């Protein structure tokens, strides 16, 4: 049970909780709809991932770099979606804060095969064999 000292504080807490839930739901939607490989050939998947962080005309990118970094950092996210998020962020400048966040997430990834393909993805490359090993090896961080 959460207690608040005033109605205003309670409303603020509810607002923050609802905002966090909406952000989580958005990340889930981005992961399932845009980042998951879903049986696509590697070349086609990579081509679609490359444009995720690029603004298209007057429209904003399909996913913000912050959203992609949050997906990449979350060990509960399926491996193909984490890899897709990291690969998408490779289009950003090397000193972009999101790429720095992702590098830390890669260093702390417990699963060796997943760490290998994440390291490839942050450089804008994905090897089919490494990807297969990471995806079939499970997702333990």
N, C-alpha and C. Protein backbone atom coordinates (compact mmCIF):
# COMPACT_ATOMS: atom_id res chain seq x y z
N UNK A 1 0.84 -1.18 0.00
CA UNK A 1 0.00 0.00 0.00
C UNK A 1 0.88 1.24 0.00
N UNK A 2 0.54 2.16 -0.85
CA UNK A 2 1.28 3.41 -0.93
C UNK A 2 0.43 4.49 -0.27
N UNK A 3 1.08 5.26 0.58
CA UNK A 3 0.35 6.35 1.23
C UNK A 3 0.93 7.67 0.74
N UNK A 4 0.06 8.66 0.70
CA UNK A 4 0.46 9.99 0.29
C UNK A 4 0.06 10.98 1.36
N UNK A 5 0.80 12.04 1.48
CA UNK A 5 0.52 13.02 2.52
C UNK A 5 -0.57 14.01 2.13
N UNK A 6 -0.94 14.02 0.84
CA UNK A 6 -1.99 14.93 0.40
C UNK A 6 -2.64 14.38 -0.86
N UNK A 7 -3.78 14.93 -1.21
CA UNK A 7 -4.46 14.54 -2.44
C UNK A 7 -3.59 14.87 -3.65
N UNK A 8 -2.91 16.00 -3.60
CA UNK A 8 -2.04 16.39 -4.72
C UNK A 8 -0.91 15.40 -4.91
N UNK A 9 -0.32 14.97 -3.80
CA UNK A 9 0.77 13.99 -3.88
C UNK A 9 0.24 12.66 -4.43
N UNK A 10 -0.95 12.25 -4.00
CA UNK A 10 -1.55 11.01 -4.50
C UNK A 10 -1.81 11.10 -5.99
N UNK A 11 -2.33 12.23 -6.46
CA UNK A 11 -2.59 12.42 -7.88
C UNK A 11 -1.29 12.39 -8.68
N UNK A 12 -0.25 12.98 -8.13
CA UNK A 12 1.04 12.97 -8.80
C UNK A 12 1.60 11.55 -8.91
N UNK A 13 1.46 10.78 -7.84
CA UNK A 13 1.92 9.38 -7.87
C UNK A 13 1.15 8.58 -8.92
N UNK A 14 -0.14 8.74 -8.97
CA UNK A 14 -0.96 8.04 -9.96
C UNK A 14 -0.53 8.45 -11.36
N UNK A 15 -0.30 9.73 -11.57
CA UNK A 15 0.12 10.23 -12.88
C UNK A 15 1.44 9.57 -13.31
N UNK A 16 2.41 9.50 -12.37
CA UNK A 16 3.70 8.87 -12.69
C UNK A 16 3.55 7.39 -13.00
N UNK A 17 2.70 6.71 -12.24
CA UNK A 17 2.48 5.28 -12.49
C UNK A 17 1.84 5.07 -13.86
N UNK A 18 0.82 5.86 -14.17
CA UNK A 18 0.17 5.73 -15.48
C UNK A 18 1.13 6.05 -16.62
N UNK A 19 1.97 7.04 -16.43
CA UNK A 19 2.96 7.41 -17.45
C UNK A 19 3.96 6.29 -17.67
N UNK A 20 4.43 5.67 -16.57
CA UNK A 20 5.38 4.56 -16.69
C UNK A 20 4.74 3.36 -17.38
N UNK A 21 3.49 3.09 -17.06
CA UNK A 21 2.77 1.98 -17.71
C UNK A 21 2.60 2.25 -19.20
N UNK A 22 2.25 3.47 -19.55
CA UNK A 22 2.09 3.82 -20.97
C UNK A 22 3.41 3.68 -21.71
N UNK A 23 4.52 4.09 -21.09
CA UNK A 23 5.83 3.95 -21.72
C UNK A 23 6.18 2.48 -21.91
N UNK A 24 5.87 1.65 -20.92
CA UNK A 24 6.12 0.21 -21.04
C UNK A 24 5.29 -0.39 -22.17
N UNK A 25 4.02 -0.02 -22.22
CA UNK A 25 3.15 -0.53 -23.28
C UNK A 25 3.65 -0.11 -24.65
N UNK A 26 4.13 1.12 -24.77
CA UNK A 26 4.67 1.62 -26.04
C UNK A 26 5.91 0.82 -26.44
N UNK A 27 6.81 0.55 -25.48
CA UNK A 27 8.02 -0.23 -25.77
C UNK A 27 7.64 -1.63 -26.22
N UNK A 28 6.63 -2.23 -25.59
CA UNK A 28 6.18 -3.56 -25.99
C UNK A 28 5.65 -3.53 -27.42
N UNK A 29 4.86 -2.52 -27.74
CA UNK A 29 4.30 -2.38 -29.08
C UNK A 29 5.41 -2.19 -30.12
N UNK A 30 6.39 -1.34 -29.81
CA UNK A 30 7.52 -1.12 -30.72
C UNK A 30 8.28 -2.42 -30.92
N UNK A 31 8.52 -3.13 -29.82
CA UNK A 31 9.27 -4.38 -29.91
C UNK A 31 8.59 -5.41 -30.77
N UNK A 32 7.32 -5.61 -30.55
CA UNK A 32 6.59 -6.63 -31.30
C UNK A 32 6.37 -6.22 -32.75
N UNK A 33 6.07 -4.96 -32.97
CA UNK A 33 5.71 -4.52 -34.31
C UNK A 33 6.88 -4.16 -35.19
N UNK A 34 7.93 -3.63 -34.62
CA UNK A 34 9.03 -3.10 -35.43
C UNK A 34 10.35 -3.85 -35.27
N UNK A 35 10.63 -4.33 -34.09
CA UNK A 35 11.96 -4.89 -33.82
C UNK A 35 12.05 -6.40 -33.97
N UNK A 36 10.99 -7.10 -33.69
CA UNK A 36 11.03 -8.56 -33.77
C UNK A 36 11.30 -9.00 -35.21
N UNK A 37 12.10 -10.03 -35.34
CA UNK A 37 12.46 -10.50 -36.69
C UNK A 37 11.26 -11.10 -37.40
N UNK A 38 10.44 -11.82 -36.70
CA UNK A 38 9.21 -12.40 -37.26
C UNK A 38 9.45 -13.17 -38.55
N UNK A 39 10.52 -13.93 -38.63
CA UNK A 39 10.77 -14.79 -39.78
C UNK A 39 11.29 -14.08 -41.02
N UNK A 40 11.50 -12.78 -40.94
CA UNK A 40 12.01 -12.05 -42.12
C UNK A 40 13.44 -12.48 -42.43
N UNK A 41 13.82 -12.46 -43.70
CA UNK A 41 15.23 -12.70 -44.05
C UNK A 41 16.10 -11.64 -43.36
N UNK A 42 17.31 -12.01 -43.02
CA UNK A 42 18.20 -11.11 -42.29
C UNK A 42 18.38 -9.78 -43.01
N UNK A 43 18.61 -9.79 -44.32
CA UNK A 43 18.81 -8.54 -45.06
C UNK A 43 17.59 -7.64 -44.99
N UNK A 44 16.41 -8.21 -45.13
CA UNK A 44 15.18 -7.41 -45.09
C UNK A 44 14.95 -6.84 -43.69
N UNK A 45 15.19 -7.66 -42.67
CA UNK A 45 15.03 -7.21 -41.29
C UNK A 45 15.98 -6.05 -41.00
N UNK A 46 17.25 -6.21 -41.37
CA UNK A 46 18.24 -5.16 -41.13
C UNK A 46 17.89 -3.88 -41.87
N UNK A 47 17.42 -3.99 -43.10
CA UNK A 47 17.04 -2.80 -43.87
C UNK A 47 15.92 -2.05 -43.17
N UNK A 48 14.95 -2.76 -42.63
CA UNK A 48 13.85 -2.11 -41.92
C UNK A 48 14.31 -1.50 -40.60
N UNK A 49 15.24 -2.16 -39.92
CA UNK A 49 15.76 -1.64 -38.66
C UNK A 49 16.55 -0.35 -38.86
N UNK A 50 17.26 -0.25 -39.98
CA UNK A 50 18.10 0.92 -40.23
C UNK A 50 17.31 2.23 -40.28
N UNK A 51 16.07 2.15 -40.70
CA UNK A 51 15.29 3.39 -40.86
C UNK A 51 14.50 3.77 -39.60
N UNK A 52 14.54 2.95 -38.56
CA UNK A 52 13.73 3.24 -37.38
C UNK A 52 14.10 4.55 -36.69
N UNK A 53 15.37 4.89 -36.65
CA UNK A 53 15.77 6.10 -35.95
C UNK A 53 15.80 7.32 -36.86
N UNK A 54 15.53 7.13 -38.13
CA UNK A 54 15.57 8.24 -39.08
C UNK A 54 14.20 8.90 -39.17
N UNK A 55 14.17 10.21 -39.08
CA UNK A 55 12.92 10.94 -39.29
C UNK A 55 12.56 10.84 -40.76
N UNK A 56 11.29 10.70 -41.02
CA UNK A 56 10.83 10.56 -42.40
C UNK A 56 9.98 11.77 -42.76
N UNK A 57 10.58 12.72 -43.47
CA UNK A 57 9.87 13.93 -43.84
C UNK A 57 9.54 14.75 -42.61
N UNK A 58 8.30 15.18 -42.50
CA UNK A 58 7.88 15.98 -41.37
C UNK A 58 7.55 15.11 -40.15
N UNK A 59 7.51 13.80 -40.35
CA UNK A 59 7.14 12.91 -39.26
C UNK A 59 8.35 12.58 -38.39
N UNK A 60 8.07 12.25 -37.16
CA UNK A 60 9.14 11.84 -36.26
C UNK A 60 9.49 10.38 -36.54
N UNK A 61 10.63 9.92 -36.02
CA UNK A 61 11.01 8.52 -36.23
C UNK A 61 9.95 7.57 -35.67
N UNK A 62 9.96 6.34 -36.18
CA UNK A 62 9.01 5.33 -35.73
C UNK A 62 9.20 5.02 -34.24
N UNK A 63 10.42 5.12 -33.77
CA UNK A 63 10.74 4.89 -32.37
C UNK A 63 11.84 5.86 -31.97
N UNK A 64 11.71 6.41 -30.78
CA UNK A 64 12.74 7.35 -30.34
C UNK A 64 13.99 6.58 -29.91
N UNK A 65 15.14 7.21 -30.00
CA UNK A 65 16.35 6.55 -29.51
C UNK A 65 16.25 6.14 -28.04
N UNK A 66 15.56 6.94 -27.25
CA UNK A 66 15.38 6.59 -25.84
C UNK A 66 14.57 5.33 -25.66
N UNK A 67 13.52 5.18 -26.45
CA UNK A 67 12.70 3.96 -26.41
C UNK A 67 13.52 2.76 -26.83
N UNK A 68 14.29 2.91 -27.89
CA UNK A 68 15.12 1.80 -28.37
C UNK A 68 16.17 1.41 -27.34
N UNK A 69 16.78 2.40 -26.69
CA UNK A 69 17.78 2.10 -25.67
C UNK A 69 17.14 1.37 -24.49
N UNK A 70 15.94 1.78 -24.09
CA UNK A 70 15.25 1.11 -22.98
C UNK A 70 14.95 -0.35 -23.33
N UNK A 71 14.57 -0.61 -24.56
CA UNK A 71 14.31 -1.98 -25.00
C UNK A 71 15.60 -2.78 -24.99
N UNK A 72 16.67 -2.19 -25.49
CA UNK A 72 17.97 -2.87 -25.54
C UNK A 72 18.49 -3.21 -24.15
N UNK A 73 18.19 -2.37 -23.18
CA UNK A 73 18.68 -2.57 -21.82
C UNK A 73 17.90 -3.60 -21.02
N UNK A 74 16.70 -3.92 -21.44
CA UNK A 74 15.80 -4.75 -20.64
C UNK A 74 16.05 -6.24 -20.89
N UNK A 75 16.59 -6.96 -19.91
CA UNK A 75 16.87 -8.38 -20.11
C UNK A 75 15.61 -9.24 -20.26
N UNK A 76 14.44 -8.69 -19.96
CA UNK A 76 13.20 -9.45 -20.11
C UNK A 76 12.67 -9.44 -21.54
N UNK A 77 13.21 -8.55 -22.36
CA UNK A 77 12.77 -8.43 -23.75
C UNK A 77 13.38 -9.59 -24.55
N UNK A 78 12.62 -10.19 -25.47
CA UNK A 78 13.16 -11.28 -26.28
C UNK A 78 14.44 -10.84 -27.02
N UNK A 79 15.39 -11.77 -27.18
CA UNK A 79 16.69 -11.43 -27.77
C UNK A 79 16.60 -10.74 -29.13
N UNK A 80 15.72 -11.19 -30.03
CA UNK A 80 15.68 -10.57 -31.35
C UNK A 80 15.26 -9.11 -31.27
N UNK A 81 14.40 -8.78 -30.32
CA UNK A 81 13.97 -7.40 -30.18
C UNK A 81 15.09 -6.53 -29.58
N UNK A 82 15.83 -7.07 -28.63
CA UNK A 82 16.97 -6.33 -28.07
C UNK A 82 18.02 -6.10 -29.15
N UNK A 83 18.29 -7.14 -29.93
CA UNK A 83 19.27 -7.02 -31.02
C UNK A 83 18.79 -6.00 -32.04
N UNK A 84 17.53 -6.04 -32.39
CA UNK A 84 16.97 -5.07 -33.33
C UNK A 84 17.09 -3.65 -32.83
N UNK A 85 16.84 -3.45 -31.55
CA UNK A 85 16.95 -2.11 -30.97
C UNK A 85 18.39 -1.61 -31.04
N UNK A 86 19.34 -2.46 -30.67
CA UNK A 86 20.76 -2.08 -30.71
C UNK A 86 21.19 -1.79 -32.14
N UNK A 87 20.79 -2.64 -33.08
CA UNK A 87 21.14 -2.44 -34.48
C UNK A 87 20.58 -1.12 -34.99
N UNK A 88 19.36 -0.79 -34.62
CA UNK A 88 18.76 0.48 -35.04
C UNK A 88 19.54 1.67 -34.51
N UNK A 89 20.04 1.56 -33.29
CA UNK A 89 20.79 2.66 -32.69
C UNK A 89 22.18 2.83 -33.30
N UNK A 90 22.65 1.84 -34.04
CA UNK A 90 23.97 1.95 -34.68
C UNK A 90 24.00 3.08 -35.70
N UNK A 91 22.83 3.53 -36.15
CA UNK A 91 22.76 4.64 -37.12
C UNK A 91 23.06 5.99 -36.46
N UNK A 92 23.01 6.05 -35.14
CA UNK A 92 23.30 7.30 -34.43
C UNK A 92 24.80 7.54 -34.36
N UNK A 93 25.21 8.77 -34.12
CA UNK A 93 26.64 9.05 -33.95
C UNK A 93 27.21 8.22 -32.78
N UNK A 94 28.48 7.83 -32.87
CA UNK A 94 29.08 6.99 -31.82
C UNK A 94 29.01 7.59 -30.42
N UNK A 95 28.97 8.92 -30.32
CA UNK A 95 28.94 9.55 -29.01
C UNK A 95 27.52 9.87 -28.52
N UNK A 96 26.52 9.38 -29.21
CA UNK A 96 25.13 9.60 -28.79
C UNK A 96 24.90 8.94 -27.43
N UNK A 97 24.19 9.60 -26.53
CA UNK A 97 23.99 9.04 -25.19
C UNK A 97 23.32 7.67 -25.20
N UNK A 98 22.41 7.45 -26.15
CA UNK A 98 21.74 6.15 -26.22
C UNK A 98 22.70 5.03 -26.58
N UNK A 99 23.66 5.32 -27.43
CA UNK A 99 24.66 4.29 -27.77
C UNK A 99 25.55 3.99 -26.58
N UNK A 100 25.84 5.01 -25.79
CA UNK A 100 26.64 4.79 -24.58
C UNK A 100 25.87 3.92 -23.58
N UNK A 101 24.57 4.18 -23.44
CA UNK A 101 23.72 3.36 -22.56
C UNK A 101 23.72 1.91 -23.02
N UNK A 102 23.61 1.72 -24.32
CA UNK A 102 23.55 0.37 -24.88
C UNK A 102 24.86 -0.36 -24.67
N UNK A 103 25.96 0.33 -24.80
CA UNK A 103 27.27 -0.32 -24.58
C UNK A 103 27.37 -0.86 -23.16
N UNK A 104 26.88 -0.11 -22.20
CA UNK A 104 26.88 -0.59 -20.82
C UNK A 104 25.98 -1.81 -20.67
N UNK A 105 24.81 -1.78 -21.30
CA UNK A 105 23.90 -2.93 -21.25
C UNK A 105 24.55 -4.16 -21.87
N UNK A 106 25.28 -3.97 -22.95
CA UNK A 106 25.96 -5.10 -23.60
C UNK A 106 27.00 -5.69 -22.66
N UNK A 107 27.78 -4.84 -22.01
CA UNK A 107 28.83 -5.31 -21.11
C UNK A 107 28.27 -6.12 -19.94
N UNK A 108 27.04 -5.83 -19.55
CA UNK A 108 26.45 -6.52 -18.41
C UNK A 108 25.51 -7.66 -18.82
N UNK A 109 25.46 -7.98 -20.10
CA UNK A 109 24.63 -9.08 -20.57
C UNK A 109 25.27 -10.40 -20.18
N UNK A 110 24.52 -11.24 -19.47
CA UNK A 110 25.06 -12.49 -18.94
C UNK A 110 25.23 -13.57 -20.00
N UNK A 111 24.34 -13.62 -20.98
CA UNK A 111 24.35 -14.68 -21.98
C UNK A 111 25.44 -14.40 -23.02
N UNK A 112 26.50 -15.23 -23.09
CA UNK A 112 27.63 -14.95 -23.98
C UNK A 112 27.26 -14.83 -25.46
N UNK A 113 26.41 -15.71 -25.96
CA UNK A 113 26.05 -15.64 -27.39
C UNK A 113 25.25 -14.38 -27.70
N UNK A 114 24.39 -13.98 -26.79
CA UNK A 114 23.63 -12.74 -26.98
C UNK A 114 24.56 -11.54 -26.93
N UNK A 115 25.51 -11.56 -26.01
CA UNK A 115 26.46 -10.45 -25.91
C UNK A 115 27.25 -10.30 -27.22
N UNK A 116 27.66 -11.41 -27.83
CA UNK A 116 28.41 -11.37 -29.09
C UNK A 116 27.61 -10.67 -30.18
N UNK A 117 26.35 -11.07 -30.37
CA UNK A 117 25.56 -10.47 -31.44
C UNK A 117 25.17 -9.04 -31.11
N UNK A 118 24.99 -8.70 -29.83
CA UNK A 118 24.74 -7.30 -29.46
C UNK A 118 25.95 -6.43 -29.78
N UNK A 119 27.15 -6.98 -29.54
CA UNK A 119 28.37 -6.24 -29.88
C UNK A 119 28.47 -6.02 -31.38
N UNK A 120 28.06 -7.00 -32.17
CA UNK A 120 28.03 -6.83 -33.62
C UNK A 120 27.00 -5.77 -34.01
N UNK A 121 25.83 -5.87 -33.41
CA UNK A 121 24.72 -4.98 -33.78
C UNK A 121 25.03 -3.52 -33.49
N UNK A 122 25.72 -3.24 -32.40
CA UNK A 122 26.03 -1.84 -32.07
C UNK A 122 26.99 -1.24 -33.10
N UNK A 123 27.68 -2.10 -33.84
CA UNK A 123 28.56 -1.64 -34.91
C UNK A 123 27.87 -1.68 -36.27
N UNK A 124 26.57 -2.02 -36.28
CA UNK A 124 25.81 -2.03 -37.52
C UNK A 124 25.95 -3.30 -38.34
N UNK A 125 26.29 -4.40 -37.68
CA UNK A 125 26.44 -5.68 -38.37
C UNK A 125 25.72 -6.76 -37.57
N UNK A 126 25.18 -7.74 -38.27
CA UNK A 126 24.61 -8.92 -37.62
C UNK A 126 24.97 -10.14 -38.45
N UNK A 127 25.58 -11.11 -37.82
CA UNK A 127 25.93 -12.37 -38.46
C UNK A 127 24.81 -13.38 -38.21
N UNK A 128 24.36 -14.04 -39.26
CA UNK A 128 23.24 -14.98 -39.15
C UNK A 128 23.51 -16.09 -38.14
N UNK A 129 24.71 -16.65 -38.15
CA UNK A 129 25.03 -17.74 -37.22
C UNK A 129 25.05 -17.24 -35.78
N UNK A 130 25.63 -16.07 -35.54
CA UNK A 130 25.65 -15.51 -34.19
C UNK A 130 24.24 -15.17 -33.72
N UNK A 131 23.42 -14.66 -34.63
CA UNK A 131 22.04 -14.35 -34.31
C UNK A 131 21.28 -15.61 -33.91
N UNK A 132 21.45 -16.67 -34.68
CA UNK A 132 20.77 -17.94 -34.39
C UNK A 132 21.19 -18.46 -33.01
N UNK A 133 22.48 -18.38 -32.69
CA UNK A 133 22.96 -18.86 -31.40
C UNK A 133 22.38 -18.02 -30.26
N UNK A 134 22.26 -16.72 -30.46
CA UNK A 134 21.74 -15.84 -29.42
C UNK A 134 20.25 -16.05 -29.19
N UNK A 135 19.51 -16.23 -30.26
CA UNK A 135 18.06 -16.38 -30.16
C UNK A 135 17.67 -17.74 -29.63
N UNK A 136 18.36 -18.80 -30.05
CA UNK A 136 18.02 -20.14 -29.56
C UNK A 136 18.59 -20.41 -28.20
N UNK A 137 19.55 -19.61 -27.79
CA UNK A 137 20.20 -19.84 -26.48
C UNK A 137 19.41 -19.33 -25.31
N UNK A 138 18.27 -18.71 -25.55
CA UNK A 138 17.46 -18.21 -24.45
C UNK A 138 17.77 -16.76 -24.15
N UNK A 139 17.12 -16.23 -23.15
CA UNK A 139 17.26 -14.83 -22.78
C UNK A 139 17.42 -14.71 -21.30
N UNK A 140 18.64 -14.89 -20.83
CA UNK A 140 18.89 -14.79 -19.39
C UNK A 140 19.71 -13.56 -19.05
N UNK A 141 19.48 -12.50 -19.78
CA UNK A 141 20.12 -11.24 -19.45
C UNK A 141 21.11 -10.86 -20.44
